[in-house]
Amino acid sequence: MPGTIRVCHVITILELGGAQDNTLYTVSHMKPPFAASLVCGPGGILDEDAKRLGIKVRFVPSLVRAVRPARDLAALLALVRIFREERPDIVHTHSSKAGILGRLAARRARVPRVVHTIHGYGFHAAQPRWQYRTFLALERLAARFTDRFIAVSRANLEQGLALGLFTPEKVSLIRSGIALREFDGATGAPEGPGRRGVLRRELGLPADARLVGMVACLKPQKSPLTFVEVAARVTREVPGAVFVIAGDGEMRPAVERRAAELGLEGRLRLLGWRRDVPNVMASLDVLLHTSLWEGLPRVLPEAIASGVPIVATSADGTSDILEDGSTGIVCAPGDIEGLAGGVRRLLLDPDLGRVLAGRARAVLREFDIDEMVRNQERLYLSLYRGETRGAGERPRPPAVTDTNNDGREGASRGDPRAARGRAAATR
């Protein structure tokens, strides 16, 4: 067994989200011989949580999500200084901004091994062509300095292979884990049924109110305005239906304005950031997930573990978890009518929801959060020893050899911004 192996994780900001939660869990649950540290930008809601983990945490003020050339250069230089001071054996980067700057800085500081987790790509079909091409070029540059990639979804893995970002031997599929024991549906905890009324009592709703929820940051990627439009259509036809959003962010004012325009007062509740996601999830009759693009939406296995049926868009990693009509209802991103129809169907036919949710449970064995950490440790150890393959699932060859996973026939490197198709296109 080698001596201490120092692993420095780098992430842009510690907002409430799957990548952030899993990074904090990883750095606080790694076992010897690994010693973890964390570098991130300040200002996230999870900053104080990170400080309490008992590991070394360093905040870089210039590391921000938005593209700011002067601040980005300052962040790059700060990361180089930190890596030279800390001398990690492995740098493990997460998220788009930290992923680019962290890998470039690791190269500059001569860090011997670099790992990057793909929690979704920073480039996507909704961007202007110049922006897409710029971000893709930066990802290709950083990929040259990456020893091993981790994909959290098969869709992102296959997209990276098709774009030539990495070869099969340099990438492993390691799911974004959840703490299954915290969700009643996964454990059969006796207090489970009582949790259903927690959120209704908090909101002053009747016990038989039908709750449709979204758990997400209010940012363009998650398309919260689609959620509002679906709410307007469903509440007109389903008496007693109430929509709730657990999350906050830059689009909250836009969500509030559109909800007021559509007359959703009392029928759409914004809960803000929530730390009791298991309680929120246990209260829902339907989870509605409206993302436009995604790495792997961790909220989906959380809903499945809670026994909640799902209506979701076919954004990237969703196809790893749900099969339309068998384990959930899946529609194309932005398909407001299709999503509304799916929600309406599940609210009016609870038996169908129970069947779909029950079938979906078969995927849960892939999402144990402790196994996620152990798989990362095995990957680190193989990389440290100079082995060519790490932990995780070996990738299958992509079904399409020249695609950016946009799902439209003809989408290729020559047409990188082609629009995404329906769910089957990303499965």
Protein backbone atom coordinates (compact mmCIF):
# COMPACT_ATOMS: atom_id res chain seq x y z
CA MET A 1 0.00 0.00 0.00
CA PRO A 2 1.44 3.41 -0.94
CA GLY A 3 1.93 6.25 1.53
CA THR A 4 -0.47 9.18 1.68
CA ILE A 5 -1.95 10.11 -1.71
CA ARG A 6 -2.97 13.78 -1.72
CA VAL A 7 -6.05 14.51 -3.85
CA CYS A 8 -7.14 18.12 -4.41
CA HIS A 9 -10.70 18.62 -5.66
CA VAL A 10 -11.54 21.85 -7.50
CA ILE A 11 -15.09 23.10 -8.16
CA THR A 12 -16.35 26.51 -9.21
CA ILE A 13 -18.85 27.33 -6.47
CA LEU A 14 -20.59 25.41 -3.70
CA GLU A 15 -24.22 26.09 -4.54
CA LEU A 16 -26.88 23.52 -3.71
CA GLY A 17 -26.61 20.98 -6.47
CA GLY A 18 -25.71 17.42 -7.30
CA ALA A 19 -22.10 18.04 -8.35
CA GLN A 20 -21.46 20.12 -5.24
CA ASP A 21 -23.14 17.71 -2.83
CA ASN A 22 -21.27 14.75 -4.27
CA THR A 23 -17.93 16.55 -4.21
CA LEU A 24 -18.36 17.41 -0.53
CA TYR A 25 -19.40 13.86 0.24
CA THR A 26 -16.39 12.47 -1.63
CA VAL A 27 -13.76 14.65 0.06
CA SER A 28 -15.22 13.90 3.49
CA HIS A 29 -15.56 10.13 3.01
CA MET A 30 -12.31 9.17 1.31
CA LYS A 31 -10.38 6.56 3.28
CA PRO A 32 -6.59 6.11 3.76
CA PRO A 33 -4.25 6.26 1.99
CA PHE A 34 -6.11 9.22 0.46
CA ALA A 35 -5.99 12.72 1.97
CA ALA A 36 -8.44 15.18 0.41
CA SER A 37 -8.45 18.95 0.08
CA LEU A 38 -10.84 21.31 -1.67
CA VAL A 39 -10.47 24.52 -3.68
CA CYS A 40 -13.48 26.58 -4.82
CA GLY A 41 -14.83 30.06 -5.37
CA PRO A 42 -16.55 31.79 -2.42
CA GLY A 43 -20.17 32.75 -1.98
CA GLY A 44 -21.90 29.37 -2.21
CA ILE A 45 -24.64 28.29 0.17
CA LEU A 46 -22.56 25.21 1.07
CA ASP A 47 -19.40 27.15 2.05
CA GLU A 48 -19.99 26.70 5.76
CA ASP A 49 -20.69 23.01 5.28
CA ALA A 50 -17.32 22.66 3.57
CA LYS A 51 -15.52 24.40 6.42
CA ARG A 52 -16.96 21.90 8.89
CA LEU A 53 -15.72 18.82 7.04
CA GLY A 54 -12.36 18.67 8.78
CA ILE A 55 -10.35 18.93 5.56
CA LYS A 56 -8.32 21.80 4.13
CA VAL A 57 -10.55 24.17 2.14
CA ARG A 58 -9.21 27.15 0.21
CA PHE A 59 -11.40 29.80 -1.39
CA VAL A 60 -10.26 31.64 -4.51
CA PRO A 61 -12.15 34.98 -4.76
CA SER A 62 -11.54 35.32 -8.50
CA LEU A 63 -13.04 31.89 -9.30
CA VAL A 64 -16.58 32.68 -10.52
CA ARG A 65 -19.01 30.95 -12.85
CA ALA A 66 -19.47 33.81 -15.34
CA VAL A 67 -16.87 34.39 -18.04
CA ARG A 68 -14.73 37.31 -16.82
CA PRO A 69 -11.35 37.30 -18.63
CA ALA A 70 -9.45 39.35 -16.05
CA ARG A 71 -10.84 37.40 -13.10
CA ASP A 72 -10.38 34.12 -14.93
CA LEU A 73 -6.69 34.87 -15.45
CA ALA A 74 -6.37 35.78 -11.76
CA ALA A 75 -8.08 32.52 -10.81
CA LEU A 76 -5.77 30.55 -13.06
CA LEU A 77 -2.68 32.09 -11.45
CA ALA A 78 -4.12 31.56 -7.97
CA LEU A 79 -4.73 27.88 -8.70
CA VAL A 80 -1.18 27.49 -9.99
CA ARG A 81 0.14 28.98 -6.73
CA ILE A 82 -2.06 26.70 -4.63
CA PHE A 83 -1.01 23.57 -6.50
CA ARG A 84 2.67 24.51 -6.20
CA GLU A 85 2.23 25.06 -2.47
CA GLU A 86 0.12 21.96 -1.77
CA ARG A 87 1.91 19.61 -4.19
CA PRO A 88 -1.06 17.25 -4.68
CA ASP A 89 -0.51 13.84 -6.23
CA ILE A 90 -3.83 14.16 -8.06
CA VAL A 91 -5.97 17.14 -9.00
CA HIS A 92 -9.64 16.26 -9.58
CA THR A 93 -11.70 19.01 -11.24
CA HIS A 94 -15.49 19.44 -11.47
CA SER A 95 -17.82 21.78 -13.39
CA SER A 96 -17.06 23.75 -16.53
CA LYS A 97 -15.14 26.81 -15.29
CA ALA A 98 -13.13 25.03 -12.60
CA GLY A 99 -12.66 22.14 -15.01
CA ILE A 100 -10.92 24.33 -17.59
CA LEU A 101 -8.93 26.57 -15.25
CA GLY A 102 -8.09 23.77 -12.82
CA ARG A 103 -6.66 21.48 -15.48
CA LEU A 104 -4.66 24.26 -17.12
CA ALA A 105 -3.30 25.30 -13.73
CA ALA A 106 -2.43 21.69 -12.85
CA ARG A 107 -0.47 21.43 -16.08
CA ARG A 108 1.35 24.68 -15.35
CA ALA A 109 2.14 23.57 -11.79
CA ARG A 110 3.34 20.15 -13.02
CA VAL A 111 0.78 18.15 -11.05
CA PRO A 112 1.55 14.55 -12.04
CA ARG A 113 -2.04 13.28 -12.44
CA VAL A 114 -5.27 15.06 -13.40
CA VAL A 115 -8.83 13.72 -13.28
CA HIS A 116 -11.93 15.54 -14.52
CA THR A 117 -15.57 14.65 -13.85
CA ILE A 118 -18.08 15.58 -16.52
CA HIS A 119 -21.26 16.77 -14.78
CA GLY A 120 -22.59 17.91 -18.16
CA TYR A 121 -20.70 20.01 -20.68
CA GLY A 122 -20.31 23.78 -20.77
CA PHE A 123 -21.24 23.80 -24.45
CA HIS A 124 -24.73 22.93 -25.67
CA ALA A 125 -27.05 23.39 -28.63
CA ALA A 126 -28.90 26.37 -27.16
CA GLN A 127 -25.78 28.57 -27.32
CA PRO A 128 -24.84 30.87 -30.22
CA ARG A 129 -22.51 29.12 -32.67
CA TRP A 130 -19.46 31.21 -31.71
CA GLN A 131 -19.97 30.49 -28.02
CA TYR A 132 -20.47 26.78 -28.58
CA ARG A 133 -17.31 26.55 -30.68
CA THR A 134 -15.28 28.59 -28.19
CA PHE A 135 -16.29 26.46 -25.21
CA LEU A 136 -15.74 23.25 -27.16
CA ALA A 137 -12.27 24.43 -28.17
CA LEU A 138 -11.42 25.20 -24.53
CA GLU A 139 -12.66 21.75 -23.47
CA ARG A 140 -10.50 20.14 -26.15
CA LEU A 141 -7.50 22.12 -24.94
CA ALA A 142 -8.04 21.08 -21.32
CA ALA A 143 -8.62 17.48 -22.41
CA ARG A 144 -5.02 17.33 -23.61
CA PHE A 145 -3.89 17.78 -20.00
CA THR A 146 -6.31 15.25 -18.48
CA ASP A 147 -5.16 11.77 -17.53
CA ARG A 148 -8.56 10.31 -16.74
CA PHE A 149 -12.19 11.35 -17.22
CA ILE A 150 -15.22 10.36 -15.18
CA ALA A 151 -18.63 10.60 -16.85
CA VAL A 152 -21.72 10.52 -14.64
CA SER A 153 -24.01 9.62 -17.55
CA ARG A 154 -23.65 7.42 -20.60
CA ALA A 155 -24.99 10.21 -22.81
CA ASN A 156 -22.12 12.53 -21.79
CA LEU A 157 -19.62 9.69 -22.13
CA GLU A 158 -20.72 8.87 -25.65
CA GLN A 159 -20.81 12.54 -26.62
CA GLY A 160 -17.22 12.98 -25.43
CA LEU A 161 -16.10 9.94 -27.40
CA ALA A 162 -17.86 11.20 -30.53
CA LEU A 163 -16.26 14.64 -30.19
CA GLY A 164 -12.82 13.12 -29.67
CA LEU A 165 -12.38 14.61 -26.19
CA PHE A 166 -11.08 11.27 -24.91
CA THR A 167 -10.61 7.66 -25.92
CA PRO A 168 -12.42 4.70 -24.30
CA GLU A 169 -9.45 3.72 -22.15
CA LYS A 170 -9.29 7.21 -20.59
CA VAL A 171 -12.91 7.43 -19.39
CA SER A 172 -14.93 5.62 -16.72
CA LEU A 173 -18.66 5.74 -16.04
CA ILE A 174 -19.22 6.41 -12.33
CA ARG A 175 -22.74 7.41 -11.40
CA SER A 176 -23.53 10.49 -9.37
CA GLY A 177 -24.56 8.82 -6.13
CA ILE A 178 -27.28 9.60 -3.62
CA ALA A 179 -27.65 8.70 0.05
CA LEU A 180 -30.35 6.08 -0.51
CA ARG A 181 -30.88 5.60 3.23
CA GLU A 182 -32.20 9.17 3.54
CA PHE A 183 -35.13 8.53 1.21
CA ASP A 184 -38.02 6.61 2.65
CA GLY A 185 -38.87 4.71 -0.47
CA ALA A 186 -35.42 3.18 -0.52
CA THR A 187 -35.35 2.08 3.09
CA GLY A 188 -38.93 1.34 3.97
CA ALA A 189 -38.49 3.46 7.09
CA PRO A 190 -41.61 3.38 9.27
CA GLU A 191 -41.77 7.14 9.42
CA GLY A 192 -42.12 7.33 5.63
CA PRO A 193 -45.92 7.73 5.31
CA GLY A 194 -45.94 10.50 7.90
CA ARG A 195 -43.49 12.54 5.88
CA ARG A 196 -46.05 12.97 3.11
CA GLY A 197 -47.92 15.55 5.15
CA VAL A 198 -44.91 17.61 6.29
CA LEU A 199 -44.82 20.02 3.36
CA ARG A 200 -48.61 20.27 3.09
CA ARG A 201 -48.87 21.32 6.73
CA GLU A 202 -46.05 23.85 6.28
CA LEU A 203 -47.82 25.41 3.29
CA GLY A 204 -51.27 25.29 4.86
CA LEU A 205 -52.60 22.93 2.19
CA PRO A 206 -55.28 20.29 2.67
CA ALA A 207 -54.08 16.74 3.20
CA ASP A 208 -55.48 15.68 -0.19
CA ALA A 209 -53.78 18.46 -2.19
CA ARG A 210 -51.98 17.06 -5.24
CA LEU A 211 -48.37 18.28 -5.22
CA VAL A 212 -46.17 18.52 -8.31
CA GLY A 213 -42.62 19.58 -7.57
CA MET A 214 -39.28 20.52 -9.02
CA VAL A 215 -36.04 20.46 -7.03
CA ALA A 216 -33.50 22.60 -8.88
CA CYS A 217 -31.53 25.81 -9.05
CA LEU A 218 -33.49 28.54 -10.85
CA LYS A 219 -31.12 29.06 -13.76
CA PRO A 220 -31.54 28.78 -17.56
CA GLN A 221 -30.23 25.21 -17.71
CA LYS A 222 -33.13 23.99 -15.54
CA SER A 223 -35.75 25.90 -17.58
CA PRO A 224 -37.96 26.91 -14.63
CA LEU A 225 -40.23 28.94 -16.92
CA THR A 226 -41.21 25.68 -18.60
CA PHE A 227 -42.27 24.46 -15.16
CA VAL A 228 -44.42 27.59 -14.73
CA GLU A 229 -46.09 27.10 -18.13
CA VAL A 230 -46.86 23.47 -17.33
CA ALA A 231 -48.31 24.53 -13.97
CA ALA A 232 -50.66 26.98 -15.69
CA ARG A 233 -52.02 24.30 -18.02
CA VAL A 234 -52.41 21.55 -15.43
CA THR A 235 -54.02 23.66 -12.68
CA ARG A 236 -56.77 24.69 -15.10
CA GLU A 237 -57.80 21.04 -15.48
CA VAL A 238 -56.87 19.35 -12.20
CA PRO A 239 -58.63 20.82 -9.14
CA GLY A 240 -56.45 20.78 -6.07
CA ALA A 241 -53.15 20.58 -7.97
CA VAL A 242 -50.40 22.75 -6.48
CA PHE A 243 -46.92 23.20 -7.95
CA VAL A 244 -43.85 23.78 -5.78
CA ILE A 245 -40.23 24.62 -6.58
CA ALA A 246 -37.52 23.79 -4.06
CA GLY A 247 -34.59 25.95 -5.11
CA ASP A 248 -33.57 29.50 -5.84
CA GLY A 249 -31.34 31.42 -8.22
CA GLU A 250 -31.00 34.09 -10.83
CA MET A 251 -34.31 33.36 -12.58
CA ARG A 252 -36.53 33.72 -9.52
CA PRO A 253 -37.77 37.21 -10.51
CA ALA A 254 -38.65 35.94 -14.00
CA VAL A 255 -40.48 32.96 -12.50
CA GLU A 256 -42.44 35.22 -10.14
CA ARG A 257 -43.39 37.60 -12.97
CA ARG A 258 -44.59 34.83 -15.28
CA ALA A 259 -46.52 33.11 -12.50
CA ALA A 260 -48.33 36.38 -11.74
CA GLU A 261 -49.12 36.90 -15.44
CA LEU A 262 -50.63 33.42 -15.60
CA GLY A 263 -52.72 33.90 -12.46
CA LEU A 264 -50.97 31.17 -10.47
CA GLU A 265 -51.23 32.84 -7.08
CA GLY A 266 -51.65 30.11 -4.50
CA ARG A 267 -51.15 27.37 -7.10
CA LEU A 268 -47.38 27.82 -7.48
CA ARG A 269 -45.22 28.04 -4.35
CA LEU A 270 -41.53 28.96 -4.36
CA LEU A 271 -39.89 27.28 -1.40
CA GLY A 272 -36.38 28.69 -1.79
CA TRP A 273 -33.33 26.60 -0.97
CA ARG A 274 -34.18 23.51 1.05
CA ARG A 275 -31.94 21.27 3.10
CA ASP A 276 -34.73 18.74 3.76
CA VAL A 277 -35.01 17.36 0.24
CA PRO A 278 -36.11 13.90 1.50
CA ASN A 279 -39.09 15.55 3.22
CA VAL A 280 -39.92 17.58 0.12
CA MET A 281 -39.62 14.54 -2.12
CA ALA A 282 -41.77 12.37 0.15
CA SER A 283 -44.55 14.99 -0.09
CA LEU A 284 -44.79 14.95 -3.89
CA ASP A 285 -47.31 13.16 -6.05
CA VAL A 286 -45.25 13.87 -9.19
CA LEU A 287 -41.73 15.14 -9.81
CA LEU A 288 -41.48 17.39 -12.88
CA HIS A 289 -37.95 17.88 -14.23
CA THR A 290 -37.67 20.43 -17.06
CA SER A 291 -33.93 20.74 -17.78
CA LEU A 292 -32.69 21.70 -21.23
CA TRP A 293 -29.33 20.00 -20.76
CA GLU A 294 -27.91 17.95 -17.93
CA GLY A 295 -25.07 15.68 -16.87
CA LEU A 296 -27.03 13.23 -14.77
CA PRO A 297 -30.01 14.67 -12.86
CA ARG A 298 -29.47 13.25 -9.37
CA VAL A 299 -32.96 14.37 -8.38
CA LEU A 300 -34.38 11.56 -10.53
CA PRO A 301 -32.97 8.64 -8.50
CA GLU A 302 -33.90 10.59 -5.36
CA ALA A 303 -37.52 10.67 -6.55
CA ILE A 304 -37.39 6.98 -7.50
CA ALA A 305 -36.02 6.07 -4.07
CA SER A 306 -38.93 8.01 -2.55
CA GLY A 307 -41.50 6.20 -4.68
CA VAL A 308 -42.45 9.35 -6.62
CA PRO A 309 -43.37 9.02 -10.34
CA ILE A 310 -41.50 11.29 -12.75
CA VAL A 311 -42.23 13.43 -15.78
CA ALA A 312 -38.94 14.66 -17.26
CA THR A 313 -37.28 16.02 -20.35
CA SER A 314 -34.92 13.82 -22.34
CA ALA A 315 -31.91 15.96 -21.42
CA ASP A 316 -28.70 13.92 -21.71
CA GLY A 317 -28.39 11.66 -18.63
CA THR A 318 -32.16 11.34 -18.13
CA SER A 319 -32.09 8.51 -20.67
CA ASP A 320 -29.73 6.58 -18.37
CA ILE A 321 -32.45 6.49 -15.72
CA LEU A 322 -35.91 6.61 -17.35
CA GLU A 323 -37.56 4.80 -20.21
CA ASP A 324 -40.57 6.64 -21.58
CA GLY A 325 -43.80 4.83 -20.85
CA SER A 326 -42.10 2.11 -18.81
CA THR A 327 -40.39 3.79 -15.85
CA GLY A 328 -41.50 7.40 -16.31
CA ILE A 329 -42.89 9.87 -18.82
CA VAL A 330 -40.18 11.50 -20.93
CA CYS A 331 -40.64 14.41 -23.35
CA ALA A 332 -38.35 16.55 -25.46
CA PRO A 333 -36.83 19.62 -23.76
CA GLY A 334 -39.23 22.54 -24.08
CA ASP A 335 -42.26 20.37 -24.94
CA ILE A 336 -44.68 22.19 -22.64
CA GLU A 337 -47.79 20.44 -23.92
CA GLY A 338 -46.21 17.01 -23.68
CA LEU A 339 -44.96 17.64 -20.15
CA ALA A 340 -48.34 19.04 -19.07
CA GLY A 341 -50.07 16.01 -20.54
CA GLY A 342 -47.75 13.69 -18.65
CA VAL A 343 -48.30 15.44 -15.33
CA ARG A 344 -52.06 15.54 -15.86
CA ARG A 345 -52.09 11.84 -16.68
CA LEU A 346 -50.21 10.86 -13.50
CA LEU A 347 -52.33 13.10 -11.26
CA LEU A 348 -55.55 11.61 -12.64
CA ASP A 349 -54.26 8.03 -12.62
CA PRO A 350 -52.26 7.44 -9.40
CA ASP A 351 -52.15 3.70 -10.08
CA LEU A 352 -50.15 4.34 -13.26
CA GLY A 353 -47.73 6.48 -11.26
CA ARG A 354 -47.22 3.69 -8.75
CA VAL A 355 -46.50 1.21 -11.53
CA LEU A 356 -43.96 3.48 -13.24
CA ALA A 357 -42.24 4.36 -9.96
CA GLY A 358 -42.06 0.71 -8.97
CA ARG A 359 -40.45 -0.34 -12.25
CA ALA A 360 -37.96 2.53 -12.03
CA ARG A 361 -36.51 1.20 -8.76
CA ALA A 362 -34.36 -1.29 -10.67
CA VAL A 363 -31.82 1.48 -11.43
CA LEU A 364 -31.21 2.40 -7.79
CA ARG A 365 -28.42 -0.13 -7.26
CA GLU A 366 -26.24 2.00 -9.57
CA PHE A 367 -26.61 5.14 -7.43
CA ASP A 368 -25.25 4.26 -4.00
CA ILE A 369 -23.17 7.25 -2.89
CA ASP A 370 -20.63 5.22 -0.91
CA GLU A 371 -19.95 2.98 -3.89
CA MET A 372 -19.41 6.17 -5.91
CA VAL A 373 -16.62 7.19 -3.51
CA ARG A 374 -15.05 3.72 -3.53
CA ASN A 375 -15.05 3.70 -7.34
CA GLN A 376 -13.27 7.06 -7.39
CA GLU A 377 -10.70 5.76 -4.90
CA ARG A 378 -10.05 2.72 -7.09
CA LEU A 379 -9.59 5.02 -10.07
CA TYR A 380 -7.13 7.22 -8.13
CA LEU A 381 -5.15 4.19 -7.02
CA SER A 382 -4.93 2.77 -10.54
CA LEU A 383 -3.82 6.16 -11.85
CA TYR A 384 -1.25 6.50 -9.07
CA ARG A 385 0.13 3.07 -9.92
CA GLY A 386 0.25 3.85 -13.63
CA GLU A 387 -2.46 1.38 -14.65
CA THR A 388 -4.32 2.01 -17.89
CA ARG A 389 -7.85 1.38 -16.58
CA GLY A 390 -9.55 2.56 -13.42
CA ALA A 391 -12.84 1.79 -11.70
CA GLY A 392 -16.26 2.28 -13.14
CA GLU A 393 -18.02 0.81 -16.13
CA ARG A 394 -16.13 0.38 -19.39
CA PRO A 395 -17.72 2.53 -22.09
CA ARG A 396 -19.60 1.00 -24.99
CA PRO A 397 -18.80 2.36 -28.44
CA PRO A 398 -21.15 5.24 -29.23
CA ALA A 399 -24.13 4.33 -31.37
CA VAL A 400 -23.34 7.23 -33.71
CA THR A 401 -19.73 7.87 -34.58
CA ASP A 402 -20.03 11.47 -35.66
CA THR A 403 -22.46 13.35 -33.42
CA ASN A 404 -22.58 15.91 -30.66
CA ASN A 405 -25.52 14.06 -29.03
CA ASP A 406 -27.95 16.73 -30.16
CA GLY A 407 -30.29 14.01 -31.31
CA ARG A 408 -31.36 15.44 -34.68
CA GLU A 409 -30.56 13.41 -37.76
CA GLY A 410 -27.49 14.93 -39.38
CA ALA A 411 -26.11 16.46 -36.18
CA SER A 412 -22.34 16.20 -36.43
CA ARG A 413 -19.12 18.01 -35.81
CA GLY A 414 -19.85 19.94 -38.96
CA ASP A 415 -23.16 21.13 -37.51
CA PRO A 416 -22.50 21.32 -33.77
CA ARG A 417 -25.59 23.29 -32.79
CA ALA A 418 -28.25 21.07 -34.35
CA ALA A 419 -31.33 20.91 -32.16
CA ARG A 420 -31.96 18.03 -29.79
CA GLY A 421 -34.60 15.47 -30.64
CA ARG A 422 -36.97 13.44 -28.50
CA ALA A 423 -36.03 11.05 -25.71
CA ALA A 424 -35.19 8.11 -27.94
CA ALA A 425 -32.49 10.16 -29.62
CA THR A 426 -30.37 10.25 -26.48
CA ARG A 427 -31.02 6.69 -25.32
